[in-house]
């Protein structure tokens, strides 16, 4: 009855999506707090950064680099 939903980061899609969301949120916060607040650029930077970071880290973990 107490079955909880677990968040499995071993799934490549969940891992990359989580990274993209985190990077977008961080980029938006930095853009609005420190700079003029151009949200379109923050979303683009966060999406690209999160995708590249997520796929790279997943690849390195899969090949036992760390």
PDB file of N, CA and C in Angstrom:
ATOM      1  N   UNK A   1       0.813  -1.191   0.000  1.00  0.00           N
ATOM      2  CA  UNK A   1       0.000   0.000   0.000  1.00  0.00           C
ATOM      3  C   UNK A   1       0.858   1.256   0.000  1.00  0.00           C
ATOM      4  N   UNK A   2       2.033   1.169   0.591  1.00  0.00           N
ATOM      5  CA  UNK A   2       2.908   2.339   0.667  1.00  0.00           C
ATOM      6  C   UNK A   2       3.909   2.378  -0.479  1.00  0.00           C
ATOM      7  N   UNK A   3       3.468   2.014  -1.638  1.00  0.00           N
ATOM      8  CA  UNK A   3       4.368   2.063  -2.782  1.00  0.00           C
ATOM      9  C   UNK A   3       4.582   3.511  -3.178  1.00  0.00           C
ATOM     10  N   UNK A   4       5.821   3.926  -3.115  1.00  0.00           N
ATOM     11  CA  UNK A   4       6.141   5.291  -3.507  1.00  0.00           C
ATOM     12  C   UNK A   4       6.720   5.327  -4.907  1.00  0.00           C
ATOM     13  N   UNK A   5       6.570   6.432  -5.521  1.00  0.00           N
ATOM     14  CA  UNK A   5       7.172   6.592  -6.835  1.00  0.00           C
ATOM     15  C   UNK A   5       8.629   6.954  -6.638  1.00  0.00           C
ATOM     16  N   UNK A   6       9.467   6.260  -7.357  1.00  0.00           N
ATOM     17  CA  UNK A   6      10.886   6.564  -7.251  1.00  0.00           C
ATOM     18  C   UNK A   6      11.335   7.305  -8.505  1.00  0.00           C
ATOM     19  N   UNK A   7      12.321   8.116  -8.313  1.00  0.00           N
ATOM     20  CA  UNK A   7      12.841   8.960  -9.379  1.00  0.00           C
ATOM     21  C   UNK A   7      14.136   8.345  -9.855  1.00  0.00           C
ATOM     22  N   UNK A   8      14.084   7.594 -10.956  1.00  0.00           N
ATOM     23  CA  UNK A   8      15.217   6.825 -11.428  1.00  0.00           C
ATOM     24  C   UNK A   8      16.048   7.656 -12.403  1.00  0.00           C
ATOM     25  N   UNK A   9      17.232   8.075 -11.961  1.00  0.00           N
ATOM     26  CA  UNK A   9      18.105   8.863 -12.825  1.00  0.00           C
ATOM     27  C   UNK A   9      18.970   7.997 -13.724  1.00  0.00           C
ATOM     28  N   UNK A  10      18.782   6.680 -13.694  1.00  0.00           N
ATOM     29  CA  UNK A  10      19.508   5.809 -14.614  1.00  0.00           C
ATOM     30  C   UNK A  10      18.882   5.833 -16.007  1.00  0.00           C
ATOM     31  N   UNK A  11      17.655   6.272 -16.103  1.00  0.00           N
ATOM     32  CA  UNK A  11      17.008   6.441 -17.397  1.00  0.00           C
ATOM     33  C   UNK A  11      17.575   7.691 -18.059  1.00  0.00           C
ATOM     34  N   UNK A  12      18.102   7.544 -19.265  1.00  0.00           N
ATOM     35  CA  UNK A  12      18.779   8.661 -19.927  1.00  0.00           C
ATOM     36  C   UNK A  12      17.835   9.834 -20.160  1.00  0.00           C
ATOM     37  N   UNK A  13      16.587   9.564 -20.484  1.00  0.00           N
ATOM     38  CA  UNK A  13      15.641  10.647 -20.773  1.00  0.00           C
ATOM     39  C   UNK A  13      15.312  11.446 -19.516  1.00  0.00           C
ATOM     40  N   UNK A  14      15.125  10.756 -18.415  1.00  0.00           N
ATOM     41  CA  UNK A  14      14.833  11.435 -17.145  1.00  0.00           C
ATOM     42  C   UNK A  14      16.040  12.235 -16.689  1.00  0.00           C
ATOM     43  N   UNK A  15      17.232  11.658 -16.823  1.00  0.00           N
ATOM     44  CA  UNK A  15      18.455  12.328 -16.402  1.00  0.00           C
ATOM     45  C   UNK A  15      18.697  13.602 -17.199  1.00  0.00           C
ATOM     46  N   UNK A  16      18.592  13.520 -18.512  1.00  0.00           N
ATOM     47  CA  UNK A  16      18.818  14.701 -19.359  1.00  0.00           C
ATOM     48  C   UNK A  16      17.727  15.737 -19.134  1.00  0.00           C
ATOM     49  N   UNK A  17      16.472  15.314 -19.031  1.00  0.00           N
ATOM     50  CA  UNK A  17      15.380  16.251 -18.793  1.00  0.00           C
ATOM     51  C   UNK A  17      15.563  16.978 -17.464  1.00  0.00           C
ATOM     52  N   UNK A  18      15.974  16.247 -16.428  1.00  0.00           N
ATOM     53  CA  UNK A  18      16.213  16.862 -15.126  1.00  0.00           C
ATOM     54  C   UNK A  18      17.329  17.892 -15.211  1.00  0.00           C
ATOM     55  N   UNK A  19      18.389  17.571 -15.919  1.00  0.00           N
ATOM     56  CA  UNK A  19      19.486  18.518 -16.078  1.00  0.00           C
ATOM     57  C   UNK A  19      19.058  19.759 -16.842  1.00  0.00           C
ATOM     58  N   UNK A  20      18.273  19.583 -17.884  1.00  0.00           N
ATOM     59  CA  UNK A  20      17.803  20.734 -18.653  1.00  0.00           C
ATOM     60  C   UNK A  20      16.940  21.639 -17.785  1.00  0.00           C
ATOM     61  N   UNK A  21      16.035  21.062 -17.017  1.00  0.00           N
ATOM     62  CA  UNK A  21      15.155  21.860 -16.159  1.00  0.00           C
ATOM     63  C   UNK A  21      15.968  22.627 -15.121  1.00  0.00           C
ATOM     64  N   UNK A  22      16.922  21.960 -14.490  1.00  0.00           N
ATOM     65  CA  UNK A  22      17.747  22.630 -13.480  1.00  0.00           C
ATOM     66  C   UNK A  22      18.560  23.753 -14.105  1.00  0.00           C
ATOM     67  N   UNK A  23      19.167  23.497 -15.257  1.00  0.00           N
ATOM     68  CA  UNK A  23      19.968  24.536 -15.907  1.00  0.00           C
ATOM     69  C   UNK A  23      19.104  25.719 -16.339  1.00  0.00           C
ATOM     70  N   UNK A  24      17.900  25.468 -16.834  1.00  0.00           N
ATOM     71  CA  UNK A  24      17.019  26.570 -17.235  1.00  0.00           C
ATOM     72  C   UNK A  24      16.632  27.408 -16.024  1.00  0.00           C
ATOM     73  N   UNK A  25      16.273  26.765 -14.930  1.00  0.00           N
ATOM     74  CA  UNK A  25      15.888  27.496 -13.726  1.00  0.00           C
ATOM     75  C   UNK A  25      17.060  28.324 -13.200  1.00  0.00           C
ATOM     76  N   UNK A  26      18.238  27.740 -13.149  1.00  0.00           N
ATOM     77  CA  UNK A  26      19.418  28.473 -12.666  1.00  0.00           C
ATOM     78  C   UNK A  26      19.747  29.639 -13.594  1.00  0.00           C
ATOM     79  N   UNK A  27      19.676  29.427 -14.897  1.00  0.00           N
ATOM     80  CA  UNK A  27      19.966  30.507 -15.842  1.00  0.00           C
ATOM     81  C   UNK A  27      18.949  31.636 -15.721  1.00  0.00           C
ATOM     82  N   UNK A  28      17.688  31.309 -15.536  1.00  0.00           N
ATOM     83  CA  UNK A  28      16.657  32.343 -15.374  1.00  0.00           C
ATOM     84  C   UNK A  28      16.883  33.126 -14.091  1.00  0.00           C
ATOM     85  N   UNK A  29      17.197  32.427 -13.005  1.00  0.00           N
ATOM     86  CA  UNK A  29      17.446  33.123 -11.732  1.00  0.00           C
ATOM     87  C   UNK A  29      18.649  34.043 -11.845  1.00  0.00           C
ATOM     88  N   UNK A  30      19.718  33.575 -12.456  1.00  0.00           N
ATOM     89  CA  UNK A  30      20.918  34.411 -12.606  1.00  0.00           C
ATOM     90  C   UNK A  30      20.616  35.606 -13.504  1.00  0.00           C
ATOM     91  N   UNK A  31      19.894  35.389 -14.598  1.00  0.00           N
ATOM     92  CA  UNK A  31      19.577  36.495 -15.509  1.00  0.00           C
ATOM     93  C   UNK A  31      18.698  37.543 -14.835  1.00  0.00           C
ATOM     94  N   UNK A  32      17.738  37.114 -14.045  1.00  0.00           N
ATOM     95  CA  UNK A  32      16.829  38.087 -13.437  1.00  0.00           C
ATOM     96  C   UNK A  32      17.438  38.777 -12.225  1.00  0.00           C
ATOM     97  N   UNK A  33      18.272  38.073 -11.475  1.00  0.00           N
ATOM     98  CA  UNK A  33      18.843  38.657 -10.266  1.00  0.00           C
ATOM     99  C   UNK A  33      20.052  39.523 -10.581  1.00  0.00           C
ATOM    100  N   UNK A  34      20.947  39.047 -11.427  1.00  0.00           N
ATOM    101  CA  UNK A  34      22.206  39.747 -11.655  1.00  0.00           C
ATOM    102  C   UNK A  34      22.208  40.658 -12.884  1.00  0.00           C
ATOM    103  N   UNK A  35      21.386  40.347 -13.854  1.00  0.00           N
ATOM    104  CA  UNK A  35      21.425  41.094 -15.105  1.00  0.00           C
ATOM    105  C   UNK A  35      20.053  41.702 -15.398  1.00  0.00           C
ATOM    106  N   UNK A  36      19.830  42.111 -16.637  1.00  0.00           N
ATOM    107  CA  UNK A  36      18.607  42.818 -16.998  1.00  0.00           C
ATOM    108  C   UNK A  36      17.371  41.936 -17.059  1.00  0.00           C
ATOM    109  N   UNK A  37      17.532  40.659 -17.146  1.00  0.00           N
ATOM    110  CA  UNK A  37      16.386  39.769 -17.127  1.00  0.00           C
ATOM    111  C   UNK A  37      15.874  39.382 -18.488  1.00  0.00           C
ATOM    112  N   UNK A  38      16.758  39.117 -19.453  1.00  0.00           N
ATOM    113  CA  UNK A  38      16.346  38.649 -20.762  1.00  0.00           C
ATOM    114  C   UNK A  38      16.076  37.146 -20.649  1.00  0.00           C
ATOM    115  N   UNK A  39      14.806  36.784 -20.544  1.00  0.00           N
ATOM    116  CA  UNK A  39      14.446  35.403 -20.257  1.00  0.00           C
ATOM    117  C   UNK A  39      14.617  34.477 -21.453  1.00  0.00           C
ATOM    118  N   UNK A  40      14.461  35.004 -22.661  1.00  0.00           N
ATOM    119  CA  UNK A  40      14.613  34.154 -23.841  1.00  0.00           C
ATOM    120  C   UNK A  40      16.031  33.620 -23.940  1.00  0.00           C
ATOM    121  N   UNK A  41      16.998  34.485 -23.724  1.00  0.00           N
ATOM    122  CA  UNK A  41      18.392  34.051 -23.750  1.00  0.00           C
ATOM    123  C   UNK A  41      18.702  33.072 -22.631  1.00  0.00           C
ATOM    124  N   UNK A  42      18.102  33.284 -21.478  1.00  0.00           N
ATOM    125  CA  UNK A  42      18.326  32.382 -20.348  1.00  0.00           C
ATOM    126  C   UNK A  42      17.761  30.994 -20.626  1.00  0.00           C
ATOM    127  N   UNK A  43      16.598  30.932 -21.238  1.00  0.00           N
ATOM    128  CA  UNK A  43      15.993  29.638 -21.562  1.00  0.00           C
ATOM    129  C   UNK A  43      16.835  28.907 -22.611  1.00  0.00           C
ATOM    130  N   UNK A  44      17.311  29.630 -23.605  1.00  0.00           N
ATOM    131  CA  UNK A  44      18.146  29.014 -24.641  1.00  0.00           C
ATOM    132  C   UNK A  44      19.460  28.516 -24.039  1.00  0.00           C
ATOM    133  N   UNK A  45      20.122  29.357 -23.240  1.00  0.00           N
ATOM    134  CA  UNK A  45      21.379  28.949 -22.609  1.00  0.00           C
ATOM    135  C   UNK A  45      21.171  27.763 -21.678  1.00  0.00           C
ATOM    136  N   UNK A  46      20.123  27.795 -20.905  1.00  0.00           N
ATOM    137  CA  UNK A  46      19.847  26.701 -19.984  1.00  0.00           C
ATOM    138  C   UNK A  46      19.536  25.401 -20.689  1.00  0.00           C
ATOM    139  N   UNK A  47      18.786  25.478 -21.774  1.00  0.00           N
ATOM    140  CA  UNK A  47      18.436  24.281 -22.528  1.00  0.00           C
ATOM    141  C   UNK A  47      19.671  23.651 -23.158  1.00  0.00           C
ATOM    142  N   UNK A  48      20.478  24.472 -23.812  1.00  0.00           N
ATOM    143  CA  UNK A  48      21.683  23.944 -24.453  1.00  0.00           C
ATOM    144  C   UNK A  48      22.666  23.427 -23.403  1.00  0.00           C
ATOM    145  N   UNK A  49      22.889  24.198 -22.356  1.00  0.00           N
ATOM    146  CA  UNK A  49      23.812  23.784 -21.306  1.00  0.00           C
ATOM    147  C   UNK A  49      23.372  22.517 -20.606  1.00  0.00           C
ATOM    148  N   UNK A  50      22.096  22.432 -20.270  1.00  0.00           N
ATOM    149  CA  UNK A  50      21.573  21.242 -19.605  1.00  0.00           C
ATOM    150  C   UNK A  50      21.636  20.004 -20.472  1.00  0.00           C
ATOM    151  N   UNK A  51      21.340  20.164 -21.767  1.00  0.00           N
ATOM    152  CA  UNK A  51      21.392  19.026 -22.678  1.00  0.00           C
ATOM    153  C   UNK A  51      22.819  18.521 -22.844  1.00  0.00           C
ATOM    154  N   UNK A  52      23.755  19.447 -23.059  1.00  0.00           N
ATOM    155  CA  UNK A  52      25.149  19.047 -23.237  1.00  0.00           C
ATOM    156  C   UNK A  52      25.701  18.415 -21.960  1.00  0.00           C
ATOM    157  N   UNK A  53      25.450  19.052 -20.816  1.00  0.00           N
ATOM    158  CA  UNK A  53      25.929  18.519 -19.544  1.00  0.00           C
ATOM    159  C   UNK A  53      25.310  17.166 -19.242  1.00  0.00           C
ATOM    160  N   UNK A  54      24.009  17.053 -19.425  1.00  0.00           N
ATOM    161  CA  UNK A  54      23.322  15.802 -19.125  1.00  0.00           C
ATOM    162  C   UNK A  54      23.799  14.646 -19.981  1.00  0.00           C
ATOM    163  N   UNK A  55      23.922  14.860 -21.279  1.00  0.00           N
ATOM    164  CA  UNK A  55      24.374  13.776 -22.154  1.00  0.00           C
ATOM    165  C   UNK A  55      25.831  13.425 -21.895  1.00  0.00           C
ATOM    166  N   UNK A  56      26.670  14.412 -21.618  1.00  0.00           N
ATOM    167  CA  UNK A  56      28.080  14.135 -21.341  1.00  0.00           C
ATOM    168  C   UNK A  56      28.251  13.343 -20.050  1.00  0.00           C
ATOM    169  N   UNK A  57      27.602  13.772 -18.984  1.00  0.00           N
ATOM    170  CA  UNK A  57      27.721  13.073 -17.710  1.00  0.00           C
ATOM    171  C   UNK A  57      27.132  11.673 -17.807  1.00  0.00           C
ATOM    172  N   UNK A  58      26.012  11.512 -18.488  1.00  0.00           N
ATOM    173  CA  UNK A  58      25.432  10.188 -18.637  1.00  0.00           C
ATOM    174  C   UNK A  58      26.373   9.272 -19.412  1.00  0.00           C
ATOM    175  N   UNK A  59      26.996   9.790 -20.466  1.00  0.00           N
ATOM    176  CA  UNK A  59      27.952   9.001 -21.253  1.00  0.00           C
ATOM    177  C   UNK A  59      29.159   8.604 -20.411  1.00  0.00           C
ATOM    178  N   UNK A  60      29.680   9.548 -19.630  1.00  0.00           N
ATOM    179  CA  UNK A  60      30.851   9.250 -18.806  1.00  0.00           C
ATOM    180  C   UNK A  60      30.514   8.250 -17.702  1.00  0.00           C
ATOM    181  N   UNK A  61      29.336   8.352 -17.108  1.00  0.00           N
ATOM    182  CA  UNK A  61      28.927   7.383 -16.088  1.00  0.00           C
ATOM    183  C   UNK A  61      28.715   6.004 -16.695  1.00  0.00           C
ATOM    184  N   UNK A  62      28.169   5.962 -17.894  1.00  0.00           N
ATOM    185  CA  UNK A  62      27.902   4.688 -18.557  1.00  0.00           C
ATOM    186  C   UNK A  62      29.212   3.959 -18.869  1.00  0.00           C
ATOM    187  N   UNK A  63      30.240   4.698 -19.212  1.00  0.00           N
ATOM    188  CA  UNK A  63      31.538   4.085 -19.572  1.00  0.00           C
ATOM    189  C   UNK A  63      32.492   4.013 -18.385  1.00  0.00           C
ATOM    190  N   UNK A  64      31.975   4.169 -17.173  1.00  0.00           N
ATOM    191  CA  UNK A  64      32.747   4.035 -15.936  1.00  0.00           C
ATOM    192  C   UNK A  64      33.960   4.970 -15.868  1.00  0.00           C
ATOM    193  N   UNK A  65      33.794   6.198 -16.294  1.00  0.00           N
ATOM    194  CA  UNK A  65      34.876   7.162 -16.176  1.00  0.00           C
ATOM    195  C   UNK A  65      34.932   7.723 -14.765  1.00  0.00           C
ATOM    196  N   UNK A  66      33.812   7.732 -14.074  1.00  0.00           N
ATOM    197  CA  UNK A  66      33.784   8.113 -12.665  1.00  0.00           C
ATOM    198  C   UNK A  66      32.559   7.550 -12.014  1.00  0.00           C
TER     199      UNK A  66
END
